[in-house]
PDB file of all heavy atoms in Angstrom:
ATOM      1  N   ARG A   1       2.117  10.309  -2.984  1.00  0.00           N
ATOM      2  CA  ARG A   1       3.404   9.642  -3.221  1.00  0.00           C
ATOM      3  C   ARG A   1       3.154   8.180  -3.507  1.00  0.00           C
ATOM      4  O   ARG A   1       2.351   7.527  -2.839  1.00  0.00           O
ATOM      5  CB  ARG A   1       4.314   9.793  -2.001  1.00  0.00           C
ATOM      6  CG  ARG A   1       4.716  11.234  -1.809  1.00  0.00           C
ATOM      7  CD  ARG A   1       6.061  11.519  -1.213  1.00  0.00           C
ATOM      8  NE  ARG A   1       6.907  10.458  -0.813  1.00  0.00           N
ATOM      9  CZ  ARG A   1       7.414  10.334   0.424  1.00  0.00           C
ATOM     10  NH1 ARG A   1       7.101  11.198   1.365  1.00  0.00           N
ATOM     11  NH2 ARG A   1       8.229   9.359   0.694  1.00  0.00           N
ATOM     12  N   ALA A   2       3.834   7.674  -4.528  1.00  0.00           N
ATOM     13  CA  ALA A   2       3.675   6.284  -4.950  1.00  0.00           C
ATOM     14  C   ALA A   2       4.603   5.369  -4.165  1.00  0.00           C
ATOM     15  O   ALA A   2       5.757   5.701  -3.915  1.00  0.00           O
ATOM     16  CB  ALA A   2       3.974   6.148  -6.430  1.00  0.00           C
ATOM     17  N   VAL A   3       4.075   4.207  -3.791  1.00  0.00           N
ATOM     18  CA  VAL A   3       4.856   3.173  -3.120  1.00  0.00           C
ATOM     19  C   VAL A   3       4.718   1.900  -3.952  1.00  0.00           C
ATOM     20  O   VAL A   3       3.607   1.383  -4.113  1.00  0.00           O
ATOM     21  CB  VAL A   3       4.340   2.917  -1.687  1.00  0.00           C
ATOM     22  CG1 VAL A   3       5.084   1.762  -1.041  1.00  0.00           C
ATOM     23  CG2 VAL A   3       4.463   4.182  -0.849  1.00  0.00           C
ATOM     24  N   PRO A   4       5.821   1.388  -4.520  1.00  0.00           N
ATOM     25  CA  PRO A   4       5.726   0.191  -5.348  1.00  0.00           C
ATOM     26  C   PRO A   4       5.367  -1.037  -4.521  1.00  0.00           C
ATOM     27  O   PRO A   4       5.778  -1.166  -3.375  1.00  0.00           O
ATOM     28  CB  PRO A   4       7.113   0.054  -5.965  1.00  0.00           C
ATOM     29  CG  PRO A   4       8.018   0.865  -5.113  1.00  0.00           C
ATOM     30  CD  PRO A   4       7.184   1.907  -4.424  1.00  0.00           C
ATOM     31  N   LEU A   5       4.578  -1.906  -5.123  1.00  0.00           N
ATOM     32  CA  LEU A   5       4.221  -3.180  -4.492  1.00  0.00           C
ATOM     33  C   LEU A   5       5.075  -4.265  -5.123  1.00  0.00           C
ATOM     34  O   LEU A   5       4.723  -4.818  -6.162  1.00  0.00           O
ATOM     35  CB  LEU A   5       2.745  -3.499  -4.716  1.00  0.00           C
ATOM     36  CG  LEU A   5       1.756  -2.712  -3.905  1.00  0.00           C
ATOM     37  CD1 LEU A   5       0.332  -3.084  -4.285  1.00  0.00           C
ATOM     38  CD2 LEU A   5       1.969  -2.944  -2.430  1.00  0.00           C
ATOM     39  N   LEU A   6       6.183  -4.561  -4.521  1.00  0.00           N
ATOM     40  CA  LEU A   6       7.111  -5.531  -5.086  1.00  0.00           C
ATOM     41  C   LEU A   6       6.858  -6.943  -4.594  1.00  0.00           C
ATOM     42  O   LEU A   6       7.175  -7.899  -5.269  1.00  0.00           O
ATOM     43  CB  LEU A   6       8.551  -5.119  -4.753  1.00  0.00           C
ATOM     44  CG  LEU A   6       8.944  -3.718  -5.215  1.00  0.00           C
ATOM     45  CD1 LEU A   6      10.333  -3.368  -4.711  1.00  0.00           C
ATOM     46  CD2 LEU A   6       8.862  -3.615  -6.719  1.00  0.00           C
ATOM     47  N   ASP A   7       6.291  -7.068  -3.412  1.00  0.00           N
ATOM     48  CA  ASP A   7       6.183  -8.376  -2.784  1.00  0.00           C
ATOM     49  C   ASP A   7       4.781  -8.969  -2.824  1.00  0.00           C
ATOM     50  O   ASP A   7       4.527  -9.967  -2.185  1.00  0.00           O
ATOM     51  CB  ASP A   7       6.662  -8.293  -1.337  1.00  0.00           C
ATOM     52  CG  ASP A   7       5.824  -7.317  -0.517  1.00  0.00           C
ATOM     53  OD1 ASP A   7       5.132  -6.480  -1.117  1.00  0.00           O
ATOM     54  OD2 ASP A   7       5.861  -7.406   0.717  1.00  0.00           O
ATOM     55  N   ARG A   8       3.886  -8.387  -3.575  1.00  0.00           N
ATOM     56  CA  ARG A   8       2.510  -8.882  -3.586  1.00  0.00           C
ATOM     57  C   ARG A   8       2.145  -9.406  -4.960  1.00  0.00           C
ATOM     58  O   ARG A   8       2.408  -8.766  -5.964  1.00  0.00           O
ATOM     59  CB  ARG A   8       1.542  -7.783  -3.193  1.00  0.00           C
ATOM     60  CG  ARG A   8       1.802  -7.310  -1.785  1.00  0.00           C
ATOM     61  CD  ARG A   8       0.555  -6.807  -1.153  1.00  0.00           C
ATOM     62  NE  ARG A   8       0.857  -6.410   0.202  1.00  0.00           N
ATOM     63  CZ  ARG A   8       0.365  -5.351   0.780  1.00  0.00           C
ATOM     64  NH1 ARG A   8      -0.483  -4.594   0.137  1.00  0.00           N
ATOM     65  NH2 ARG A   8       0.681  -5.050   2.011  1.00  0.00           N
ATOM     66  N   GLU A   9       1.531 -10.555  -4.972  1.00  0.00           N
ATOM     67  CA  GLU A   9       1.049 -11.151  -6.214  1.00  0.00           C
ATOM     68  C   GLU A   9      -0.353 -10.646  -6.496  1.00  0.00           C
ATOM     69  O   GLU A   9      -1.042 -10.152  -5.624  1.00  0.00           O
ATOM     70  CB  GLU A   9       1.042 -12.683  -6.086  1.00  0.00           C
ATOM     71  CG  GLU A   9       2.416 -13.292  -5.963  1.00  0.00           C
ATOM     72  CD  GLU A   9       3.274 -13.076  -7.181  1.00  0.00           C
ATOM     73  OE1 GLU A   9       2.740 -13.165  -8.304  1.00  0.00           O
ATOM     74  OE2 GLU A   9       4.467 -12.800  -7.023  1.00  0.00           O
ATOM     75  N   GLY A  10      -0.777 -10.829  -7.711  1.00  0.00           N
ATOM     76  CA  GLY A  10      -2.144 -10.478  -8.077  1.00  0.00           C
ATOM     77  C   GLY A  10      -2.267  -9.041  -8.511  1.00  0.00           C
ATOM     78  O   GLY A  10      -1.488  -8.187  -8.121  1.00  0.00           O
ATOM     79  N   ASP A  11      -3.252  -8.820  -9.344  1.00  0.00           N
ATOM     80  CA  ASP A  11      -3.482  -7.473  -9.848  1.00  0.00           C
ATOM     81  C   ASP A  11      -4.973  -7.169  -9.875  1.00  0.00           C
ATOM     82  O   ASP A  11      -5.449  -6.414 -10.703  1.00  0.00           O
ATOM     83  CB  ASP A  11      -2.863  -7.303 -11.239  1.00  0.00           C
ATOM     84  CG  ASP A  11      -3.377  -8.323 -12.241  1.00  0.00           C
ATOM     85  OD1 ASP A  11      -4.282  -9.109 -11.904  1.00  0.00           O
ATOM     86  OD2 ASP A  11      -2.876  -8.330 -13.368  1.00  0.00           O
ATOM     87  N   GLU A  12      -5.694  -7.753  -8.954  1.00  0.00           N
ATOM     88  CA  GLU A  12      -7.136  -7.582  -8.922  1.00  0.00           C
ATOM     89  C   GLU A  12      -7.517  -6.173  -8.471  1.00  0.00           C
ATOM     90  O   GLU A  12      -7.049  -5.688  -7.450  1.00  0.00           O
ATOM     91  CB  GLU A  12      -7.775  -8.613  -7.991  1.00  0.00           C
ATOM     92  CG  GLU A  12      -7.611 -10.044  -8.481  1.00  0.00           C
ATOM     93  CD  GLU A  12      -8.159 -10.250  -9.874  1.00  0.00           C
ATOM     94  OE1 GLU A  12      -9.283  -9.787 -10.167  1.00  0.00           O
ATOM     95  OE2 GLU A  12      -7.454 -10.850 -10.689  1.00  0.00           O
ATOM     96  N   LEU A  13      -8.382  -5.556  -9.238  1.00  0.00           N
ATOM     97  CA  LEU A  13      -8.823  -4.208  -8.909  1.00  0.00           C
ATOM     98  C   LEU A  13      -9.631  -4.182  -7.616  1.00  0.00           C
ATOM     99  O   LEU A  13      -9.609  -3.197  -6.891  1.00  0.00           O
ATOM    100  CB  LEU A  13      -9.655  -3.635 -10.057  1.00  0.00           C
ATOM    101  CG  LEU A  13      -8.907  -3.438 -11.372  1.00  0.00           C
ATOM    102  CD1 LEU A  13      -9.865  -2.984 -12.463  1.00  0.00           C
ATOM    103  CD2 LEU A  13      -7.774  -2.444 -11.211  1.00  0.00           C
ATOM    104  N   GLU A  14     -10.348  -5.249  -7.329  1.00  0.00           N
ATOM    105  CA  GLU A  14     -11.159  -5.323  -6.103  1.00  0.00           C
ATOM    106  C   GLU A  14     -10.298  -5.152  -4.843  1.00  0.00           C
ATOM    107  O   GLU A  14     -10.765  -4.661  -3.831  1.00  0.00           O
ATOM    108  CB  GLU A  14     -11.892  -6.661  -6.022  1.00  0.00           C
ATOM    109  CG  GLU A  14     -12.972  -6.849  -7.058  1.00  0.00           C
ATOM    110  CD  GLU A  14     -14.285  -6.217  -6.651  1.00  0.00           C
ATOM    111  OE1 GLU A  14     -14.533  -6.048  -5.452  1.00  0.00           O
ATOM    112  OE2 GLU A  14     -15.066  -5.895  -7.555  1.00  0.00           O
ATOM    113  N   ALA A  15      -9.048  -5.575  -4.920  1.00  0.00           N
ATOM    114  CA  ALA A  15      -8.166  -5.542  -3.746  1.00  0.00           C
ATOM    115  C   ALA A  15      -7.637  -4.145  -3.438  1.00  0.00           C
ATOM    116  O   ALA A  15      -7.162  -3.890  -2.331  1.00  0.00           O
ATOM    117  CB  ALA A  15      -6.990  -6.490  -3.965  1.00  0.00           C
ATOM    118  N   VAL A  16      -7.730  -3.229  -4.387  1.00  0.00           N
ATOM    119  CA  VAL A  16      -7.114  -1.908  -4.222  1.00  0.00           C
ATOM    120  C   VAL A  16      -7.639  -1.166  -2.999  1.00  0.00           C
ATOM    121  O   VAL A  16      -6.873  -0.639  -2.203  1.00  0.00           O
ATOM    122  CB  VAL A  16      -7.297  -1.063  -5.504  1.00  0.00           C
ATOM    123  CG1 VAL A  16      -6.944   0.382  -5.266  1.00  0.00           C
ATOM    124  CG2 VAL A  16      -6.447  -1.647  -6.615  1.00  0.00           C
ATOM    125  N   MET A  17      -8.952  -1.122  -2.835  1.00  0.00           N
ATOM    126  CA  MET A  17      -9.512  -0.371  -1.698  1.00  0.00           C
ATOM    127  C   MET A  17      -9.073  -0.969  -0.371  1.00  0.00           C
ATOM    128  O   MET A  17      -8.769  -0.238   0.567  1.00  0.00           O
ATOM    129  CB  MET A  17     -11.023  -0.304  -1.802  1.00  0.00           C
ATOM    130  CG  MET A  17     -11.469   0.652  -2.870  1.00  0.00           C
ATOM    131  SD  MET A  17     -13.128   1.184  -2.530  1.00  0.00           S
ATOM    132  CE  MET A  17     -13.723   1.421  -4.163  1.00  0.00           C
ATOM    133  N   LYS A  18      -9.030  -2.279  -0.293  1.00  0.00           N
ATOM    134  CA  LYS A  18      -8.588  -2.926   0.953  1.00  0.00           C
ATOM    135  C   LYS A  18      -7.120  -2.611   1.227  1.00  0.00           C
ATOM    136  O   LYS A  18      -6.742  -2.329   2.367  1.00  0.00           O
ATOM    137  CB  LYS A  18      -8.807  -4.430   0.871  1.00  0.00           C
ATOM    138  CG  LYS A  18     -10.254  -4.826   0.931  1.00  0.00           C
ATOM    139  CD  LYS A  18     -10.419  -6.319   0.829  1.00  0.00           C
ATOM    140  CE  LYS A  18     -11.902  -6.667   0.761  1.00  0.00           C
ATOM    141  NZ  LYS A  18     -12.116  -8.073   0.500  1.00  0.00           N
ATOM    142  N   LEU A  19      -6.287  -2.664   0.178  1.00  0.00           N
ATOM    143  CA  LEU A  19      -4.869  -2.361   0.354  1.00  0.00           C
ATOM    144  C   LEU A  19      -4.668  -0.915   0.813  1.00  0.00           C
ATOM    145  O   LEU A  19      -3.868  -0.645   1.703  1.00  0.00           O
ATOM    146  CB  LEU A  19      -4.106  -2.604  -0.948  1.00  0.00           C
ATOM    147  CG  LEU A  19      -3.946  -4.063  -1.370  1.00  0.00           C
ATOM    148  CD1 LEU A  19      -3.356  -4.143  -2.772  1.00  0.00           C
ATOM    149  CD2 LEU A  19      -3.075  -4.816  -0.383  1.00  0.00           C
ATOM    150  N   LEU A  20      -5.396  -0.006   0.201  1.00  0.00           N
ATOM    151  CA  LEU A  20      -5.282   1.401   0.605  1.00  0.00           C
ATOM    152  C   LEU A  20      -5.799   1.621   2.024  1.00  0.00           C
ATOM    153  O   LEU A  20      -5.218   2.388   2.791  1.00  0.00           O
ATOM    154  CB  LEU A  20      -6.037   2.303  -0.367  1.00  0.00           C
ATOM    155  CG  LEU A  20      -5.365   2.523  -1.715  1.00  0.00           C
ATOM    156  CD1 LEU A  20      -6.286   3.302  -2.640  1.00  0.00           C
ATOM    157  CD2 LEU A  20      -4.041   3.240  -1.553  1.00  0.00           C
ATOM    158  N   ALA A  21      -6.889   0.953   2.372  1.00  0.00           N
ATOM    159  CA  ALA A  21      -7.465   1.113   3.711  1.00  0.00           C
ATOM    160  C   ALA A  21      -6.523   0.566   4.790  1.00  0.00           C
ATOM    161  O   ALA A  21      -6.508   1.082   5.910  1.00  0.00           O
ATOM    162  CB  ALA A  21      -8.822   0.423   3.789  1.00  0.00           C
ATOM    163  N   GLN A  22      -5.721  -0.451   4.462  1.00  0.00           N
ATOM    164  CA  GLN A  22      -4.759  -0.986   5.430  1.00  0.00           C
ATOM    165  C   GLN A  22      -3.717   0.070   5.789  1.00  0.00           C
ATOM    166  O   GLN A  22      -3.171   0.064   6.873  1.00  0.00           O
ATOM    167  CB  GLN A  22      -4.050  -2.216   4.853  1.00  0.00           C
ATOM    168  CG  GLN A  22      -4.930  -3.429   4.774  1.00  0.00           C
ATOM    169  CD  GLN A  22      -4.240  -4.565   4.041  1.00  0.00           C
ATOM    170  OE1 GLN A  22      -3.095  -4.462   3.617  1.00  0.00           O
ATOM    171  NE2 GLN A  22      -4.959  -5.663   3.879  1.00  0.00           N
ATOM    172  N   GLY A  23      -3.451   0.954   4.855  1.00  0.00           N
ATOM    173  CA  GLY A  23      -2.514   2.036   5.123  1.00  0.00           C
ATOM    174  C   GLY A  23      -1.076   1.643   4.906  1.00  0.00           C
ATOM    175  O   GLY A  23      -0.750   0.493   4.642  1.00  0.00           O
ATOM    176  N   PRO A  24      -0.201   2.627   5.020  1.00  0.00           N
ATOM    177  CA  PRO A  24       1.225   2.395   4.809  1.00  0.00           C
ATOM    178  C   PRO A  24       1.850   1.601   5.954  1.00  0.00           C
ATOM    179  O   PRO A  24       1.294   1.537   7.051  1.00  0.00           O
ATOM    180  CB  PRO A  24       1.808   3.810   4.733  1.00  0.00           C
ATOM    181  CG  PRO A  24       0.827   4.675   5.437  1.00  0.00           C
ATOM    182  CD  PRO A  24      -0.509   4.025   5.296  1.00  0.00           C
ATOM    183  N   THR A  25       3.005   1.043   5.660  1.00  0.00           N
ATOM    184  CA  THR A  25       3.758   0.319   6.685  1.00  0.00           C
ATOM    185  C   THR A  25       4.295   1.313   7.708  1.00  0.00           C
ATOM    186  O   THR A  25       4.266   2.524   7.495  1.00  0.00           O
ATOM    187  CB  THR A  25       4.947  -0.433   6.055  1.00  0.00           C
ATOM    188  OG1 THR A  25       5.855   0.536   5.517  1.00  0.00           O
ATOM    189  CG2 THR A  25       4.502  -1.412   4.979  1.00  0.00           C
ATOM    190  N   ALA A  26       4.827   0.804   8.796  1.00  0.00           N
ATOM    191  CA  ALA A  26       5.399   1.675   9.830  1.00  0.00           C
ATOM    192  C   ALA A  26       6.522   2.539   9.248  1.00  0.00           C
ATOM    193  O   ALA A  26       6.618   3.734   9.546  1.00  0.00           O
ATOM    194  CB  ALA A  26       5.912   0.846  11.000  1.00  0.00           C
ATOM    195  N   ALA A  27       7.361   1.955   8.410  1.00  0.00           N
ATOM    196  CA  ALA A  27       8.460   2.710   7.791  1.00  0.00           C
ATOM    197  C   ALA A  27       7.912   3.810   6.881  1.00  0.00           C
ATOM    198  O   ALA A  27       8.436   4.928   6.858  1.00  0.00           O
ATOM    199  CB  ALA A  27       9.366   1.776   6.991  1.00  0.00           C
ATOM    200  N   GLU A  28       6.855   3.511   6.143  1.00  0.00           N
ATOM    201  CA  GLU A  28       6.249   4.511   5.262  1.00  0.00           C
ATOM    202  C   GLU A  28       5.567   5.617   6.069  1.00  0.00           C
ATOM    203  O   GLU A  28       5.618   6.787   5.692  1.00  0.00           O
ATOM    204  CB  GLU A  28       5.262   3.829   4.309  1.00  0.00           C
ATOM    205  CG  GLU A  28       5.950   2.903   3.316  1.00  0.00           C
ATOM    206  CD  GLU A  28       5.024   1.898   2.662  1.00  0.00           C
ATOM    207  OE1 GLU A  28       3.860   1.734   3.112  1.00  0.00           O
ATOM    208  OE2 GLU A  28       5.465   1.243   1.697  1.00  0.00           O
ATOM    209  N   ARG A  29       4.984   5.255   7.209  1.00  0.00           N
ATOM    210  CA  ARG A  29       4.373   6.267   8.082  1.00  0.00           C
ATOM    211  C   ARG A  29       5.440   7.210   8.637  1.00  0.00           C
ATOM    212  O   ARG A  29       5.212   8.404   8.756  1.00  0.00           O
ATOM    213  CB  ARG A  29       3.581   5.615   9.215  1.00  0.00           C
ATOM    214  CG  ARG A  29       2.243   5.054   8.764  1.00  0.00           C
ATOM    215  CD  ARG A  29       1.361   4.671   9.927  1.00  0.00           C
ATOM    216  NE  ARG A  29       1.956   3.731  10.861  1.00  0.00           N
ATOM    217  CZ  ARG A  29       1.910   2.403  10.750  1.00  0.00           C
ATOM    218  NH1 ARG A  29       1.275   1.857   9.739  1.00  0.00           N
ATOM    219  NH2 ARG A  29       2.477   1.633  11.641  1.00  0.00           N
ATOM    220  N   ARG A  30       6.610   6.662   8.960  1.00  0.00           N
ATOM    221  CA  ARG A  30       7.709   7.509   9.449  1.00  0.00           C
ATOM    222  C   ARG A  30       8.162   8.491   8.366  1.00  0.00           C
ATOM    223  O   ARG A  30       8.710   9.540   8.670  1.00  0.00           O
ATOM    224  CB  ARG A  30       8.890   6.650   9.916  1.00  0.00           C
ATOM    225  CG  ARG A  30       8.645   5.994  11.264  1.00  0.00           C
ATOM    226  CD  ARG A  30       9.909   5.380  11.833  1.00  0.00           C
ATOM    227  NE  ARG A  30      10.446   4.291  11.031  1.00  0.00           N
ATOM    228  CZ  ARG A  30      10.062   3.018  11.124  1.00  0.00           C
ATOM    229  NH1 ARG A  30       9.119   2.664  11.981  1.00  0.00           N
ATOM    230  NH2 ARG A  30      10.614   2.097  10.369  1.00  0.00           N
ATOM    231  N   GLN A  31       7.918   8.166   7.110  1.00  0.00           N
ATOM    232  CA  GLN A  31       8.257   9.066   5.999  1.00  0.00           C
ATOM    233  C   GLN A  31       7.135  10.070   5.729  1.00  0.00           C
ATOM    234  O   GLN A  31       7.189  10.827   4.775  1.00  0.00           O
ATOM    235  CB  GLN A  31       8.535   8.265   4.731  1.00  0.00           C
ATOM    236  CG  GLN A  31       9.754   7.403   4.811  1.00  0.00           C
ATOM    237  CD  GLN A  31       9.932   6.557   3.554  1.00  0.00           C
ATOM    238  OE1 GLN A  31       9.210   6.678   2.576  1.00  0.00           O
ATOM    239  NE2 GLN A  31      10.908   5.677   3.596  1.00  0.00           N
ATOM    240  N   GLY A  32       6.106  10.054   6.576  1.00  0.00           N
ATOM    241  CA  GLY A  32       5.030  11.030   6.448  1.00  0.00           C
ATOM    242  C   GLY A  32       3.863  10.600   5.581  1.00  0.00           C
ATOM    243  O   GLY A  32       3.033  11.422   5.211  1.00  0.00           O
ATOM    244  N   LEU A  33       3.779   9.318   5.243  1.00  0.00           N
ATOM    245  CA  LEU A  33       2.697   8.831   4.396  1.00  0.00           C
ATOM    246  C   LEU A  33       1.521   8.365   5.242  1.00  0.00           C
ATOM    247  O   LEU A  33       1.705   7.820   6.331  1.00  0.00           O
ATOM    248  CB  LEU A  33       3.178   7.685   3.506  1.00  0.00           C
ATOM    249  CG  LEU A  33       4.348   8.007   2.578  1.00  0.00           C
ATOM    250  CD1 LEU A  33       4.714   6.790   1.757  1.00  0.00           C
ATOM    251  CD2 LEU A  33       4.027   9.189   1.693  1.00  0.00           C
ATOM    252  N   THR A  34       0.335   8.569   4.721  1.00  0.00           N
ATOM    253  CA  THR A  34      -0.879   8.127   5.398  1.00  0.00           C
ATOM    254  C   THR A  34      -1.923   7.772   4.350  1.00  0.00           C
ATOM    255  O   THR A  34      -1.773   8.103   3.180  1.00  0.00           O
ATOM    256  CB  THR A  34      -1.413   9.205   6.357  1.00  0.00           C
ATOM    257  OG1 THR A  34      -2.462   8.649   7.139  1.00  0.00           O
ATOM    258  CG2 THR A  34      -1.932  10.425   5.612  1.00  0.00           C
TER     259      THR A  34
END
């Protein structure tokens, strides 16, 4: 499931793995995302 990044600047590909590793927000986790 896709989650839009509306509040983050930058489009560096290097940041993708770190962003994914941080995981979803608490609200997104309540929606069953991991």
